[in-house]
Amino acid sequence: MTIDIRRCVQGDEAALALVGQATFLETYAGALPAGDIISHCRVQHGEALYADWLAKPGYRLWVAEMEEGRAPVGYAALTPPDLPVATGEKDVELKRIYLLHRFHGTGLGARLMETALDAAAAAGFTRVLLGVFGGNARAIAFYTRQGYAEAGVRKFRVGENEYDDLVLARAL
């Protein structure tokens, strides 16, 4: 099976929304209340949000697609930092790196990460930050293997509830 990673363009918002909603649901079903998941996905993984990101300067997104049929299976997004830690002009946020569960452990997550980090370095950034749910041990382990370390904490709202997130960072 061949999977390609390419830079997103206008028109990719439906694919990004689909992968975002699917991965959020499969990751948090059973861990968060269903109403919170649905509410969060409606806004934070809606096509309108991705269309807005694709139109904004400073926002860079990549999609991982199956070569056969171009079905989207994951994506990564770099954005200006929006985290409760001190940041500077050489910082960028890895806002999302999502991958359908069946592709975990295949090296595709690392390929998406490498794509985003290479682009960040080429753009002159020197540090990448991200937020991750404090209870998502699998994601935290992945980020640790990628060289990230804790840089702070934040409260993250999903639906009607707030959850503890870790803010992680790594130098480029």
C-alpha atoms as a PDB file:
ATOM      1  CA  MET A   1       0.000   0.000   0.000  1.00  0.00           C
ATOM      2  CA  THR A   2       1.394   3.379  -1.012  1.00  0.00           C
ATOM      3  CA  ILE A   3       0.477   6.551   0.843  1.00  0.00           C
ATOM      4  CA  ASP A   4       1.437   9.978  -0.465  1.00  0.00           C
ATOM      5  CA  ILE A   5       1.721  13.176   1.551  1.00  0.00           C
ATOM      6  CA  ARG A   6       0.973  16.425  -0.239  1.00  0.00           C
ATOM      7  CA  ARG A   7       0.416  20.066   0.663  1.00  0.00           C
ATOM      8  CA  CYS A   8      -3.266  20.930   1.013  1.00  0.00           C
ATOM      9  CA  VAL A   9      -5.025  23.390  -1.261  1.00  0.00           C
ATOM     10  CA  GLN A  10      -8.443  25.050  -1.320  1.00  0.00           C
ATOM     11  CA  GLY A  11     -10.942  22.265  -1.929  1.00  0.00           C
ATOM     12  CA  ASP A  12      -9.321  19.867   0.596  1.00  0.00           C
ATOM     13  CA  GLU A  13     -11.498  21.067   3.478  1.00  0.00           C
ATOM     14  CA  ALA A  14     -14.004  18.184   3.184  1.00  0.00           C
ATOM     15  CA  ALA A  15     -11.232  15.566   3.348  1.00  0.00           C
ATOM     16  CA  LEU A  16      -9.605  17.307   6.326  1.00  0.00           C
ATOM     17  CA  ALA A  17     -12.937  17.551   8.161  1.00  0.00           C
ATOM     18  CA  LEU A  18     -13.675  13.875   7.537  1.00  0.00           C
ATOM     19  CA  VAL A  19     -10.306  12.705   8.865  1.00  0.00           C
ATOM     20  CA  GLY A  20     -10.446  15.147  11.789  1.00  0.00           C
ATOM     21  CA  GLN A  21     -13.893  13.970  12.875  1.00  0.00           C
ATOM     22  CA  ALA A  22     -13.122  10.283  12.376  1.00  0.00           C
ATOM     23  CA  THR A  23      -9.843  10.363  14.288  1.00  0.00           C
ATOM     24  CA  PHE A  24     -11.261  12.477  17.119  1.00  0.00           C
ATOM     25  CA  LEU A  25     -14.178  10.051  17.489  1.00  0.00           C
ATOM     26  CA  GLU A  26     -12.052   6.898  17.371  1.00  0.00           C
ATOM     27  CA  THR A  27      -9.542   8.359  19.834  1.00  0.00           C
ATOM     28  CA  TYR A  28     -11.984   9.709  22.423  1.00  0.00           C
ATOM     29  CA  ALA A  29     -15.120   7.533  22.141  1.00  0.00           C
ATOM     30  CA  GLY A  30     -15.537   6.043  25.592  1.00  0.00           C
ATOM     31  CA  ALA A  31     -13.090   8.527  27.151  1.00  0.00           C
ATOM     32  CA  LEU A  32     -15.142  11.722  26.703  1.00  0.00           C
ATOM     33  CA  PRO A  33     -18.923  12.222  26.746  1.00  0.00           C
ATOM     34  CA  ALA A  34     -20.518  11.679  23.331  1.00  0.00           C
ATOM     35  CA  GLY A  35     -22.187  15.091  23.387  1.00  0.00           C
ATOM     36  CA  ASP A  36     -18.830  16.786  23.936  1.00  0.00           C
ATOM     37  CA  ILE A  37     -17.277  14.867  21.034  1.00  0.00           C
ATOM     38  CA  ILE A  38     -20.137  15.738  18.677  1.00  0.00           C
ATOM     39  CA  SER A  39     -20.156  19.405  19.699  1.00  0.00           C
ATOM     40  CA  HIS A  40     -16.383  19.683  19.359  1.00  0.00           C
ATOM     41  CA  CYS A  41     -16.280  17.999  15.963  1.00  0.00           C
ATOM     42  CA  ARG A  42     -19.110  20.122  14.589  1.00  0.00           C
ATOM     43  CA  VAL A  43     -17.053  23.299  15.114  1.00  0.00           C
ATOM     44  CA  GLN A  44     -13.390  22.314  15.473  1.00  0.00           C
ATOM     45  CA  HIS A  45     -13.485  19.756  12.662  1.00  0.00           C
ATOM     46  CA  GLY A  46     -16.030  21.391  10.382  1.00  0.00           C
ATOM     47  CA  GLU A  47     -15.305  22.176   6.752  1.00  0.00           C
ATOM     48  CA  ALA A  48     -15.616  25.911   7.446  1.00  0.00           C
ATOM     49  CA  LEU A  49     -12.716  25.838   9.909  1.00  0.00           C
ATOM     50  CA  TYR A  50     -10.441  24.050   7.433  1.00  0.00           C
ATOM     51  CA  ALA A  51     -11.481  26.347   4.581  1.00  0.00           C
ATOM     52  CA  ASP A  52     -10.550  29.295   6.801  1.00  0.00           C
ATOM     53  CA  TRP A  53      -7.174  27.763   7.667  1.00  0.00           C
ATOM     54  CA  LEU A  54      -6.416  27.024   4.012  1.00  0.00           C
ATOM     55  CA  ALA A  55      -7.069  30.676   3.163  1.00  0.00           C
ATOM     56  CA  LYS A  56      -4.950  32.178   5.961  1.00  0.00           C
ATOM     57  CA  PRO A  57      -1.324  33.189   5.533  1.00  0.00           C
ATOM     58  CA  GLY A  58       0.909  31.380   7.997  1.00  0.00           C
ATOM     59  CA  TYR A  59      -1.230  28.229   7.993  1.00  0.00           C
ATOM     60  CA  ARG A  60       0.256  25.150   6.299  1.00  0.00           C
ATOM     61  CA  LEU A  61      -1.537  21.804   6.012  1.00  0.00           C
ATOM     62  CA  TRP A  62      -0.598  18.436   4.500  1.00  0.00           C
ATOM     63  CA  VAL A  63      -2.807  15.438   3.817  1.00  0.00           C
ATOM     64  CA  ALA A  64      -1.788  11.783   3.697  1.00  0.00           C
ATOM     65  CA  GLU A  65      -3.711   9.917   0.987  1.00  0.00           C
ATOM     66  CA  MET A  66      -3.904   6.355  -0.215  1.00  0.00           C
ATOM     67  CA  GLU A  67      -2.430   6.233  -3.699  1.00  0.00           C
ATOM     68  CA  GLU A  68      -5.325   4.070  -4.866  1.00  0.00           C
ATOM     69  CA  GLY A  69      -8.443   6.275  -4.905  1.00  0.00           C
ATOM     70  CA  ARG A  70      -6.831   9.204  -3.021  1.00  0.00           C
ATOM     71  CA  ALA A  71      -8.731   8.432   0.215  1.00  0.00           C
ATOM     72  CA  PRO A  72      -7.461  10.696   3.033  1.00  0.00           C
ATOM     73  CA  VAL A  73      -6.067   8.861   6.066  1.00  0.00           C
ATOM     74  CA  GLY A  74      -4.292  11.613   8.024  1.00  0.00           C
ATOM     75  CA  TYR A  75      -3.078  15.175   8.044  1.00  0.00           C
ATOM     76  CA  ALA A  76      -0.834  17.685   9.793  1.00  0.00           C
ATOM     77  CA  ALA A  77      -1.327  21.422  10.338  1.00  0.00           C
ATOM     78  CA  LEU A  78       1.183  24.117  11.269  1.00  0.00           C
ATOM     79  CA  THR A  79      -0.237  27.431  12.509  1.00  0.00           C
ATOM     80  CA  PRO A  80       0.849  30.528  14.385  1.00  0.00           C
ATOM     81  CA  PRO A  81       1.135  29.609  18.091  1.00  0.00           C
ATOM     82  CA  ASP A  82      -2.000  29.896  20.219  1.00  0.00           C
ATOM     83  CA  LEU A  83      -0.845  28.322  23.475  1.00  0.00           C
ATOM     84  CA  PRO A  84      -0.593  29.631  27.057  1.00  0.00           C
ATOM     85  CA  VAL A  85       3.220  29.681  27.106  1.00  0.00           C
ATOM     86  CA  ALA A  86       5.685  32.353  26.099  1.00  0.00           C
ATOM     87  CA  THR A  87       6.300  32.251  22.341  1.00  0.00           C
ATOM     88  CA  GLY A  88       8.332  34.275  19.889  1.00  0.00           C
ATOM     89  CA  GLU A  89       8.425  35.002  16.188  1.00  0.00           C
ATOM     90  CA  LYS A  90      10.540  31.891  15.524  1.00  0.00           C
ATOM     91  CA  ASP A  91       7.913  29.582  17.081  1.00  0.00           C
ATOM     92  CA  VAL A  92       5.212  27.661  15.231  1.00  0.00           C
ATOM     93  CA  GLU A  93       2.455  25.379  16.510  1.00  0.00           C
ATOM     94  CA  LEU A  94       1.792  21.887  15.268  1.00  0.00           C
ATOM     95  CA  LYS A  95      -1.928  22.469  15.695  1.00  0.00           C
ATOM     96  CA  ARG A  96      -2.905  18.983  14.601  1.00  0.00           C
ATOM     97  CA  ILE A  97      -1.360  15.754  13.455  1.00  0.00           C
ATOM     98  CA  TYR A  98      -4.118  13.191  13.007  1.00  0.00           C
ATOM     99  CA  LEU A  99      -3.970   9.703  11.592  1.00  0.00           C
ATOM    100  CA  LEU A 100      -6.658   7.048  11.327  1.00  0.00           C
ATOM    101  CA  HIS A 101      -6.065   4.344  13.934  1.00  0.00           C
ATOM    102  CA  ARG A 102      -5.414   1.528  11.461  1.00  0.00           C
ATOM    103  CA  PHE A 103      -2.334   3.437  10.225  1.00  0.00           C
ATOM    104  CA  HIS A 104      -0.762   3.845  13.681  1.00  0.00           C
ATOM    105  CA  GLY A 105       2.535   2.000  13.923  1.00  0.00           C
ATOM    106  CA  THR A 106       3.184   2.099  10.161  1.00  0.00           C
ATOM    107  CA  GLY A 107       5.638   4.998  10.221  1.00  0.00           C
ATOM    108  CA  LEU A 108       3.106   7.307   8.559  1.00  0.00           C
ATOM    109  CA  GLY A 109       2.779   9.470  11.663  1.00  0.00           C
ATOM    110  CA  ALA A 110       6.546   9.967  11.684  1.00  0.00           C
ATOM    111  CA  ARG A 111       6.426  10.846   7.961  1.00  0.00           C
ATOM    112  CA  LEU A 112       3.734  13.458   8.597  1.00  0.00           C
ATOM    113  CA  MET A 113       5.768  14.840  11.496  1.00  0.00           C
ATOM    114  CA  GLU A 114       8.925  14.974   9.369  1.00  0.00           C
ATOM    115  CA  THR A 115       7.045  16.773   6.598  1.00  0.00           C
ATOM    116  CA  ALA A 116       5.774  19.416   9.022  1.00  0.00           C
ATOM    117  CA  LEU A 117       9.135  19.840  10.789  1.00  0.00           C
ATOM    118  CA  ASP A 118      11.027  20.150   7.508  1.00  0.00           C
ATOM    119  CA  ALA A 119       8.589  22.837   6.340  1.00  0.00           C
ATOM    120  CA  ALA A 120       8.867  24.674   9.660  1.00  0.00           C
ATOM    121  CA  ALA A 121      12.666  24.671   9.494  1.00  0.00           C
ATOM    122  CA  ALA A 122      12.629  25.796   5.842  1.00  0.00           C
ATOM    123  CA  ALA A 123      10.358  28.704   6.842  1.00  0.00           C
ATOM    124  CA  GLY A 124      12.891  29.802   9.463  1.00  0.00           C
ATOM    125  CA  PHE A 125      11.151  28.577  12.615  1.00  0.00           C
ATOM    126  CA  THR A 126      13.385  27.320  15.412  1.00  0.00           C
ATOM    127  CA  ARG A 127      10.830  25.765  17.792  1.00  0.00           C
ATOM    128  CA  VAL A 128       7.645  23.741  17.356  1.00  0.00           C
ATOM    129  CA  LEU A 129       5.001  23.591  20.079  1.00  0.00           C
ATOM    130  CA  LEU A 130       1.845  21.520  20.405  1.00  0.00           C
ATOM    131  CA  GLY A 131      -0.962  20.739  22.811  1.00  0.00           C
ATOM    132  CA  VAL A 132      -1.965  17.174  23.663  1.00  0.00           C
ATOM    133  CA  PHE A 133      -4.647  15.748  25.961  1.00  0.00           C
ATOM    134  CA  GLY A 134      -2.882  14.767  29.178  1.00  0.00           C
ATOM    135  CA  GLY A 135      -4.705  11.422  29.176  1.00  0.00           C
ATOM    136  CA  ASN A 136      -3.597  10.425  25.660  1.00  0.00           C
ATOM    137  CA  ALA A 137      -0.617   8.261  26.609  1.00  0.00           C
ATOM    138  CA  ARG A 138      -0.117   6.933  23.073  1.00  0.00           C
ATOM    139  CA  ALA A 139       0.175  10.427  21.566  1.00  0.00           C
ATOM    140  CA  ILE A 140       2.434  11.638  24.384  1.00  0.00           C
ATOM    141  CA  ALA A 141       4.744   8.645  23.825  1.00  0.00           C
ATOM    142  CA  PHE A 142       4.853   9.388  20.071  1.00  0.00           C
ATOM    143  CA  TYR A 143       5.733  13.047  20.694  1.00  0.00           C
ATOM    144  CA  THR A 144       8.396  12.077  23.228  1.00  0.00           C
ATOM    145  CA  ARG A 145       9.986   9.765  20.634  1.00  0.00           C
ATOM    146  CA  GLN A 146       9.937  12.726  18.234  1.00  0.00           C
ATOM    147  CA  GLY A 147      11.969  14.846  20.680  1.00  0.00           C
ATOM    148  CA  TYR A 148       9.238  16.884  22.382  1.00  0.00           C
ATOM    149  CA  ALA A 149       9.372  17.797  26.074  1.00  0.00           C
ATOM    150  CA  GLU A 150       6.865  19.434  28.394  1.00  0.00           C
ATOM    151  CA  ALA A 151       6.788  23.230  28.170  1.00  0.00           C
ATOM    152  CA  GLY A 152       3.576  23.957  30.091  1.00  0.00           C
ATOM    153  CA  VAL A 153      -0.053  23.027  30.616  1.00  0.00           C
ATOM    154  CA  ARG A 154      -3.389  24.396  29.498  1.00  0.00           C
ATOM    155  CA  LYS A 155      -7.093  23.842  29.937  1.00  0.00           C
ATOM    156  CA  PHE A 156      -8.757  22.669  26.724  1.00  0.00           C
ATOM    157  CA  ARG A 157     -12.508  22.848  26.228  1.00  0.00           C
ATOM    158  CA  VAL A 158     -14.292  20.021  24.458  1.00  0.00           C
ATOM    159  CA  GLY A 159     -18.040  20.588  24.420  1.00  0.00           C
ATOM    160  CA  GLU A 160     -19.214  21.389  27.941  1.00  0.00           C
ATOM    161  CA  ASN A 161     -16.078  20.219  29.754  1.00  0.00           C
ATOM    162  CA  GLU A 162     -12.500  21.332  30.235  1.00  0.00           C
ATOM    163  CA  TYR A 163      -9.614  18.901  30.163  1.00  0.00           C
ATOM    164  CA  ASP A 164      -5.951  19.107  31.088  1.00  0.00           C
ATOM    165  CA  ASP A 165      -3.582  19.326  28.132  1.00  0.00           C
ATOM    166  CA  LEU A 166       0.175  19.252  28.107  1.00  0.00           C
ATOM    167  CA  VAL A 167       1.998  21.815  26.022  1.00  0.00           C
ATOM    168  CA  LEU A 168       5.072  20.204  24.462  1.00  0.00           C
ATOM    169  CA  ALA A 169       7.928  21.790  22.547  1.00  0.00           C
ATOM    170  CA  ARG A 170      11.025  20.837  20.608  1.00  0.00           C
ATOM    171  CA  ALA A 171      13.811  22.752  18.943  1.00  0.00           C
ATOM    172  CA  LEU A 172      14.380  22.467  15.219  1.00  0.00           C
END
